[in-house]
Amino acid sequence: MFRADGSIGSQKNEDSFIHTRNIYLVDKDLKIRGIYDTGSTDAMATLAQDLEKIKKE
């Protein structure tokens, strides 16, 4: 399981769910390859490029 907590300084319980505008790109070895802001068109273009790179690996 992978959890990415985008909050700072607040405690969450086990049932809490954090919504963030970020997309985390994780490869088949569960290594985080990038974090992308969905509010940025540049970041979304970079994500698309990075996805193509990973598909070729």
C-alpha atoms as a PDB file:
ATOM      1  CA  MET A   1       0.000   0.000   0.000  1.00  0.00           C
ATOM      2  CA  PHE A   2       1.188   3.508  -0.782  1.00  0.00           C
ATOM      3  CA  ARG A   3      -0.048   6.548   1.093  1.00  0.00           C
ATOM      4  CA  ALA A   4       0.978  10.106   0.375  1.00  0.00           C
ATOM      5  CA  ASP A   5      -0.036  12.566   3.050  1.00  0.00           C
ATOM      6  CA  GLY A   6      -0.142  16.094   1.679  1.00  0.00           C
ATOM      7  CA  SER A   7      -0.887  17.740   5.006  1.00  0.00           C
ATOM      8  CA  ILE A   8       1.644  19.385   7.270  1.00  0.00           C
ATOM      9  CA  GLY A   9       1.459  19.294  11.038  1.00  0.00           C
ATOM     10  CA  SER A  10      -1.951  17.720  11.515  1.00  0.00           C
ATOM     11  CA  GLN A  11      -2.629  14.242  12.833  1.00  0.00           C
ATOM     12  CA  LYS A  12      -4.822  11.890  10.852  1.00  0.00           C
ATOM     13  CA  ASN A  13      -6.510   8.726  11.978  1.00  0.00           C
ATOM     14  CA  GLU A  14      -6.436   5.467  10.024  1.00  0.00           C
ATOM     15  CA  ASP A  15      -9.778   6.215   8.335  1.00  0.00           C
ATOM     16  CA  SER A  16      -8.824   9.688   7.103  1.00  0.00           C
ATOM     17  CA  PHE A  17      -8.432  10.245   3.390  1.00  0.00           C
ATOM     18  CA  ILE A  18      -6.317  13.111   2.095  1.00  0.00           C
ATOM     19  CA  HIS A  19      -7.234  14.743  -1.209  1.00  0.00           C
ATOM     20  CA  THR A  20      -4.384  16.444  -3.008  1.00  0.00           C
ATOM     21  CA  ARG A  21      -3.957  17.880  -6.484  1.00  0.00           C
ATOM     22  CA  ASN A  22      -0.772  15.905  -6.957  1.00  0.00           C
ATOM     23  CA  ILE A  23      -0.287  12.769  -9.015  1.00  0.00           C
ATOM     24  CA  TYR A  24       2.486  10.413  -7.936  1.00  0.00           C
ATOM     25  CA  LEU A  25       4.104   8.372 -10.694  1.00  0.00           C
ATOM     26  CA  VAL A  26       5.246   5.035  -9.254  1.00  0.00           C
ATOM     27  CA  ASP A  27       7.120   2.479 -11.333  1.00  0.00           C
ATOM     28  CA  LYS A  28       6.816  -1.328 -11.258  1.00  0.00           C
ATOM     29  CA  ASP A  29       9.451  -1.475  -8.496  1.00  0.00           C
ATOM     30  CA  LEU A  30       7.317   0.892  -6.378  1.00  0.00           C
ATOM     31  CA  LYS A  31       9.864   3.690  -6.737  1.00  0.00           C
ATOM     32  CA  ILE A  32       8.368   7.184  -6.895  1.00  0.00           C
ATOM     33  CA  ARG A  33       9.472   8.565 -10.253  1.00  0.00           C
ATOM     34  CA  GLY A  34       7.787  11.942 -10.011  1.00  0.00           C
ATOM     35  CA  ILE A  35       5.205  14.140  -8.338  1.00  0.00           C
ATOM     36  CA  TYR A  36       3.058  16.276 -10.616  1.00  0.00           C
ATOM     37  CA  ASP A  37       0.684  19.153  -9.854  1.00  0.00           C
ATOM     38  CA  THR A  38      -2.592  18.573 -11.703  1.00  0.00           C
ATOM     39  CA  GLY A  39      -3.179  22.332 -11.722  1.00  0.00           C
ATOM     40  CA  SER A  40      -0.141  22.902 -13.949  1.00  0.00           C
ATOM     41  CA  THR A  41      -0.290  22.251 -17.685  1.00  0.00           C
ATOM     42  CA  ASP A  42       3.529  22.082 -17.748  1.00  0.00           C
ATOM     43  CA  ALA A  43       3.529  19.413 -15.040  1.00  0.00           C
ATOM     44  CA  MET A  44       0.894  17.389 -16.912  1.00  0.00           C
ATOM     45  CA  ALA A  45       2.997  17.561 -20.098  1.00  0.00           C
ATOM     46  CA  THR A  46       6.030  16.370 -18.123  1.00  0.00           C
ATOM     47  CA  LEU A  47       3.971  13.522 -16.667  1.00  0.00           C
ATOM     48  CA  ALA A  48       2.979  12.401 -20.166  1.00  0.00           C
ATOM     49  CA  GLN A  49       6.633  12.427 -21.256  1.00  0.00           C
ATOM     50  CA  ASP A  50       7.729  10.543 -18.138  1.00  0.00           C
ATOM     51  CA  LEU A  51       5.024   7.918 -18.671  1.00  0.00           C
ATOM     52  CA  GLU A  52       6.347   7.279 -22.177  1.00  0.00           C
ATOM     53  CA  LYS A  53       9.887   6.882 -20.808  1.00  0.00           C
ATOM     54  CA  ILE A  54       8.756   4.375 -18.176  1.00  0.00           C
ATOM     55  CA  LYS A  55       6.755   2.353 -20.705  1.00  0.00           C
ATOM     56  CA  LYS A  56       9.961   1.810 -22.688  1.00  0.00           C
ATOM     57  CA  GLU A  57      11.943   0.551 -19.691  1.00  0.00           C
END
